[in-house]
């Protein structure tokens, strides 16, 4: 068995993939994420080897090699050759390092909540509906956010993320309400207010938690509808919940009229959250 750092490019990656005959299925989303890392310059050689058996069969590294080809990337990778083919059943049996683990090692406060928020924000900014799988709320397939991409985003927006999470945690501590989860509330706050949210944005989020909710308001309708669904143990579609909440926000800042129900077609794009007009903007209009 020999281990060496080798320069691998698109051509050599495709050559190694010719012998990828006894591996598990490739993971397209993971491949795309790795390719994006390589294109953006965020990819770092971490010592994880590409493993090749004695007869040349590729045992581990297919997704990295496919990403190299997709990104047309050239770099040095640790390659271990001459491994017993029978050892393939022991490969990748360890616990994966998650984004929250990375954030904790980097000293971030509330790493679990921060990781959950980042994993929703990055897809949303790319036009993908954030995935929510907590409780009995489910939604669209996840768009993978790599640890390095998530860490970069966390470092670039550390204070803003912390302010968002602090507010949501403080609200959850004041109420036992389970209409929406903290993760959903954090991402919704970002959708309607970005990182420059105001007291009006915060007050709206409070209404969804049942704090100062006005009867017959859009927020009150959402609460009643979601609580009934949870009592019946119905699955709540994430896209639908984001859609009606954004529609409720738009109604809230336009007089908060009484409503009997809110419509949102899940086959359509998410409604666009209306922007608050500040006094300064009114003066310069």
Protein backbone atom coordinates (compact mmCIF):
# COMPACT_ATOMS: atom_id res chain seq x y z
CA UNK A 1 0.00 0.00 0.00
CA UNK A 2 1.37 3.43 -0.98
CA UNK A 3 0.14 6.93 -0.19
CA UNK A 4 1.27 9.97 -2.19
CA UNK A 5 0.04 13.39 -3.14
CA UNK A 6 -0.80 13.40 -6.84
CA UNK A 7 -1.83 16.22 -9.17
CA UNK A 8 -5.28 15.41 -10.54
CA UNK A 9 -7.02 17.28 -13.36
CA UNK A 10 -10.10 16.66 -15.45
CA UNK A 11 -8.37 14.14 -17.71
CA UNK A 12 -6.81 12.07 -14.92
CA UNK A 13 -10.05 12.22 -12.88
CA UNK A 14 -12.03 10.79 -15.80
CA UNK A 15 -9.41 8.08 -16.23
CA UNK A 16 -9.74 7.03 -12.57
CA UNK A 17 -13.53 7.05 -12.89
CA UNK A 18 -13.31 4.44 -15.64
CA UNK A 19 -12.59 1.94 -12.85
CA UNK A 20 -15.46 3.07 -10.64
CA UNK A 21 -17.25 -0.26 -10.93
CA UNK A 22 -17.89 -1.35 -7.34
CA UNK A 23 -18.93 1.86 -5.62
CA UNK A 24 -22.18 3.21 -4.23
CA UNK A 25 -24.32 5.57 -6.30
CA UNK A 26 -22.91 9.01 -7.01
CA UNK A 27 -24.52 11.95 -5.23
CA UNK A 28 -25.27 14.68 -7.83
CA UNK A 29 -26.03 17.43 -5.29
CA UNK A 30 -22.84 16.72 -3.39
CA UNK A 31 -20.85 16.68 -6.63
CA UNK A 32 -22.31 20.04 -7.66
CA UNK A 33 -21.49 21.53 -4.23
CA UNK A 34 -17.90 20.28 -4.37
CA UNK A 35 -17.52 21.66 -7.89
CA UNK A 36 -18.75 25.05 -6.70
CA UNK A 37 -16.18 24.95 -3.90
CA UNK A 38 -13.43 24.23 -6.41
CA UNK A 39 -14.54 26.95 -8.83
CA UNK A 40 -14.81 29.57 -6.08
CA UNK A 41 -11.43 28.77 -4.55
CA UNK A 42 -12.90 27.57 -1.25
CA UNK A 43 -11.78 23.97 -1.76
CA UNK A 44 -9.02 22.93 0.63
CA UNK A 45 -7.06 19.68 0.53
CA UNK A 46 -7.90 18.09 3.89
CA UNK A 47 -5.95 14.85 3.73
CA UNK A 48 -8.98 12.70 2.95
CA UNK A 49 -7.61 10.19 0.44
CA UNK A 50 -8.80 8.87 -2.86
CA UNK A 51 -8.60 5.12 -2.37
CA UNK A 52 -7.67 2.69 -5.14
CA UNK A 53 -7.58 -1.10 -4.84
CA UNK A 54 -4.74 -3.39 -5.84
CA UNK A 55 -6.36 -4.07 -9.23
CA UNK A 56 -7.05 -0.37 -9.92
CA UNK A 57 -10.69 -0.35 -8.82
CA UNK A 58 -11.78 3.00 -7.37
CA UNK A 59 -12.99 2.39 -3.80
CA UNK A 60 -13.47 5.94 -2.53
CA UNK A 61 -13.39 9.44 -4.01
CA UNK A 62 -15.86 9.18 -6.89
CA UNK A 63 -17.74 12.36 -5.96
CA UNK A 64 -14.54 14.40 -5.63
CA UNK A 65 -13.25 13.09 -8.96
CA UNK A 66 -16.55 13.84 -10.68
CA UNK A 67 -16.47 17.37 -9.20
CA UNK A 68 -12.89 17.87 -10.48
CA UNK A 69 -14.10 16.99 -13.97
CA UNK A 70 -17.20 19.18 -13.68
CA UNK A 71 -15.23 22.19 -12.43
CA UNK A 72 -12.26 21.54 -14.76
CA UNK A 73 -10.14 21.81 -11.62
CA UNK A 74 -6.50 20.90 -11.10
CA UNK A 75 -5.08 20.25 -7.66
CA UNK A 76 -3.08 17.97 -5.40
CA UNK A 77 -4.91 15.11 -3.70
CA UNK A 78 -3.77 12.36 -1.38
CA UNK A 79 -4.08 9.05 -3.25
CA UNK A 80 -3.72 5.70 -1.53
CA UNK A 81 -3.06 2.80 -3.92
CA UNK A 82 -2.90 -0.94 -3.37
CA UNK A 83 -5.74 -1.24 -0.83
CA UNK A 84 -7.42 -4.61 -0.27
CA UNK A 85 -10.80 -4.57 -2.06
CA UNK A 86 -12.44 -6.32 0.91
CA UNK A 87 -11.81 -3.20 3.02
CA UNK A 88 -14.39 -1.16 1.08
CA UNK A 89 -17.10 -2.10 3.61
CA UNK A 90 -15.20 -0.14 6.30
CA UNK A 91 -14.86 3.09 4.28
CA UNK A 92 -16.92 6.16 5.30
CA UNK A 93 -18.34 4.53 8.44
CA UNK A 94 -17.35 7.42 10.75
CA UNK A 95 -19.57 10.29 11.89
CA UNK A 96 -19.68 13.15 9.39
CA UNK A 97 -18.60 16.57 10.62
CA UNK A 98 -21.60 18.90 10.37
CA UNK A 99 -21.70 22.66 9.94
CA UNK A 100 -22.77 23.13 13.56
CA UNK A 101 -19.70 21.14 14.64
CA UNK A 102 -17.46 23.42 12.57
CA UNK A 103 -19.12 26.57 13.97
CA UNK A 104 -18.70 25.29 17.52
CA UNK A 105 -14.99 24.64 16.95
CA UNK A 106 -14.69 28.18 15.56
CA UNK A 107 -16.21 29.61 18.74
CA UNK A 108 -19.62 30.70 17.42
CA UNK A 109 -22.42 31.19 19.93
CA UNK A 110 -25.56 29.09 19.35
CA UNK A 111 -23.90 26.90 16.69
CA UNK A 112 -26.95 24.67 16.12
CA UNK A 113 -29.31 27.59 15.51
CA UNK A 114 -26.72 29.43 13.43
CA UNK A 115 -26.10 26.41 11.21
CA UNK A 116 -29.83 25.84 10.72
CA UNK A 117 -30.35 29.47 9.70
CA UNK A 118 -27.41 29.49 7.30
CA UNK A 119 -28.67 26.31 5.62
CA UNK A 120 -31.94 28.12 4.92
CA UNK A 121 -30.57 31.55 3.97
CA UNK A 122 -28.04 30.45 1.34
CA UNK A 123 -30.55 28.41 -0.73
CA UNK A 124 -33.16 31.20 -0.41
CA UNK A 125 -30.72 33.78 -1.76
CA UNK A 126 -30.23 31.47 -4.76
CA UNK A 127 -33.97 31.22 -5.37
CA UNK A 128 -34.44 27.82 -3.71
CA UNK A 129 -37.13 27.28 -1.08
CA UNK A 130 -35.38 26.50 2.23
CA UNK A 131 -35.98 22.97 3.47
CA UNK A 132 -37.58 22.47 6.85
CA UNK A 133 -37.77 18.98 8.30
CA UNK A 134 -38.35 19.67 11.98
CA UNK A 135 -41.59 18.76 13.69
CA UNK A 136 -44.26 17.74 11.21
CA UNK A 137 -43.25 20.43 8.73
CA UNK A 138 -41.61 19.20 5.58
CA UNK A 139 -40.75 20.63 2.21
CA UNK A 140 -38.57 20.71 -0.88
CA UNK A 141 -35.35 18.69 -1.23
CA UNK A 142 -32.34 20.25 0.46
CA UNK A 143 -29.77 22.17 -1.48
CA UNK A 144 -26.51 21.15 0.14
CA UNK A 145 -24.55 23.89 1.89
CA UNK A 146 -20.96 22.77 2.37
CA UNK A 147 -19.17 23.36 5.66
CA UNK A 148 -16.65 25.74 4.09
CA UNK A 149 -19.37 27.79 2.36
CA UNK A 150 -21.41 27.90 5.56
CA UNK A 151 -18.39 28.94 7.64
CA UNK A 152 -17.49 31.72 5.19
CA UNK A 153 -21.07 33.02 5.35
CA UNK A 154 -21.05 32.84 9.16
CA UNK A 155 -17.82 34.82 9.39
CA UNK A 156 -19.07 37.46 6.92
CA UNK A 157 -22.38 37.92 8.79
CA UNK A 158 -21.52 36.97 12.36
CA UNK A 159 -23.21 39.84 14.21
CA UNK A 160 -26.26 39.87 11.93
CA UNK A 161 -26.85 36.14 12.39
CA UNK A 162 -26.42 36.45 16.14
CA UNK A 163 -28.95 39.31 16.36
CA UNK A 164 -31.53 37.28 14.43
CA UNK A 165 -31.05 34.18 16.56
CA UNK A 166 -30.99 36.09 19.87
CA UNK A 167 -34.40 37.58 19.12
CA UNK A 168 -35.99 34.29 18.11
CA UNK A 169 -34.55 32.45 21.13
CA UNK A 170 -35.81 35.18 23.48
CA UNK A 171 -39.32 34.81 22.04
CA UNK A 172 -39.29 31.03 22.29
CA UNK A 173 -38.28 31.30 25.95
CA UNK A 174 -41.27 33.53 26.69
CA UNK A 175 -43.84 31.23 25.12
CA UNK A 176 -44.46 27.50 24.85
CA UNK A 177 -46.22 28.08 21.54
CA UNK A 178 -45.39 25.43 18.94
CA UNK A 179 -47.10 26.92 15.89
CA UNK A 180 -43.79 27.48 14.12
CA UNK A 181 -40.27 26.37 14.96
CA UNK A 182 -37.40 28.68 15.85
CA UNK A 183 -35.59 27.68 12.65
CA UNK A 184 -38.57 28.57 10.49
CA UNK A 185 -39.09 31.88 12.33
CA UNK A 186 -35.42 32.86 11.92
CA UNK A 187 -35.48 32.21 8.18
CA UNK A 188 -38.83 34.01 7.76
CA UNK A 189 -37.43 37.04 9.60
CA UNK A 190 -34.55 37.08 7.12
CA UNK A 191 -36.94 36.77 4.16
CA UNK A 192 -39.08 39.74 5.15
CA UNK A 193 -36.41 41.96 6.65
CA UNK A 194 -32.99 40.68 5.61
CA UNK A 195 -30.33 41.48 8.18
CA UNK A 196 -31.62 45.04 8.61
CA UNK A 197 -34.92 44.16 10.28
CA UNK A 198 -36.85 46.69 12.33
CA UNK A 199 -39.18 46.57 15.33
CA UNK A 200 -42.09 46.20 12.88
CA UNK A 201 -40.57 43.00 11.48
CA UNK A 202 -39.99 41.73 15.01
CA UNK A 203 -43.55 42.53 16.08
CA UNK A 204 -44.91 40.59 13.10
CA UNK A 205 -42.86 37.52 14.04
CA UNK A 206 -44.20 37.79 17.59
CA UNK A 207 -47.76 37.63 16.24
CA UNK A 208 -47.01 34.26 14.66
CA UNK A 209 -45.96 33.00 18.09
CA UNK A 210 -49.30 34.15 19.51
CA UNK A 211 -48.03 37.30 21.20
CA UNK A 212 -50.49 40.20 20.70
CA UNK A 213 -52.22 38.45 17.81
CA UNK A 214 -55.34 40.28 16.67
CA UNK A 215 -58.45 38.24 16.02
CA UNK A 216 -59.24 37.78 12.30
CA UNK A 217 -55.77 38.96 11.25
CA UNK A 218 -53.76 37.00 8.71
CA UNK A 219 -51.27 35.90 11.38
CA UNK A 220 -54.12 34.66 13.57
CA UNK A 221 -55.51 32.63 10.64
CA UNK A 222 -52.10 31.01 10.08
CA UNK A 223 -51.82 30.09 13.75
CA UNK A 224 -55.27 28.49 13.85
CA UNK A 225 -54.69 26.61 10.60
CA UNK A 226 -51.26 25.26 11.56
CA UNK A 227 -52.33 24.27 15.09
CA UNK A 228 -55.31 22.34 13.72
CA UNK A 229 -53.06 20.58 11.22
CA UNK A 230 -50.61 19.63 13.96
CA UNK A 231 -53.43 18.31 16.15
CA UNK A 232 -54.44 16.06 13.25
CA UNK A 233 -50.74 15.23 12.66
CA UNK A 234 -51.04 16.44 9.08
CA UNK A 235 -47.88 17.21 7.11
CA UNK A 236 -47.48 20.95 6.52
CA UNK A 237 -45.81 21.84 3.24
CA UNK A 238 -42.89 24.22 3.72
CA UNK A 239 -43.48 26.13 0.49
CA UNK A 240 -47.11 26.71 1.46
CA UNK A 241 -46.19 27.91 4.96
CA UNK A 242 -43.56 30.34 3.70
CA UNK A 243 -46.00 31.56 1.05
CA UNK A 244 -48.89 32.29 3.40
CA UNK A 245 -46.57 33.87 5.97
CA UNK A 246 -45.12 36.25 3.38
CA UNK A 247 -48.65 37.09 2.19
CA UNK A 248 -49.58 37.72 5.82
CA UNK A 249 -46.58 40.05 6.18
CA UNK A 250 -47.64 42.00 3.11
CA UNK A 251 -51.13 42.39 4.58
CA UNK A 252 -49.68 43.31 7.97
CA UNK A 253 -47.76 46.32 6.68
CA UNK A 254 -50.74 47.42 4.58
CA UNK A 255 -53.23 47.97 7.37
CA UNK A 256 -53.45 44.40 8.70
CA UNK A 257 -57.04 43.89 7.49
CA UNK A 258 -59.30 41.13 8.77
CA UNK A 259 -59.17 37.98 6.64
CA UNK A 260 -61.10 34.72 6.51
CA UNK A 261 -58.34 32.77 4.77
CA UNK A 262 -55.11 33.24 2.81
CA UNK A 263 -54.45 31.70 -0.57
CA UNK A 264 -51.11 30.54 -1.92
CA UNK A 265 -50.57 28.24 -4.90
CA UNK A 266 -47.54 26.05 -4.15
CA UNK A 267 -46.89 25.56 -7.88
CA UNK A 268 -45.99 29.24 -8.16
CA UNK A 269 -42.92 31.13 -6.98
CA UNK A 270 -42.91 32.49 -3.46
CA UNK A 271 -44.59 35.91 -3.19
CA UNK A 272 -42.16 38.80 -2.88
CA UNK A 273 -42.07 40.31 0.62
CA UNK A 274 -42.98 43.98 0.44
CA UNK A 275 -40.34 46.38 1.69
CA UNK A 276 -41.00 48.81 4.50
CA UNK A 277 -40.75 52.43 3.41
CA UNK A 278 -38.75 54.44 5.92
CA UNK A 279 -39.37 58.07 6.86
CA UNK A 280 -36.12 59.00 5.11
CA UNK A 281 -37.24 57.32 1.88
CA UNK A 282 -40.57 59.18 2.04
CA UNK A 283 -38.77 62.48 2.50
CA UNK A 284 -36.53 61.88 -0.53
CA UNK A 285 -39.31 60.50 -2.78
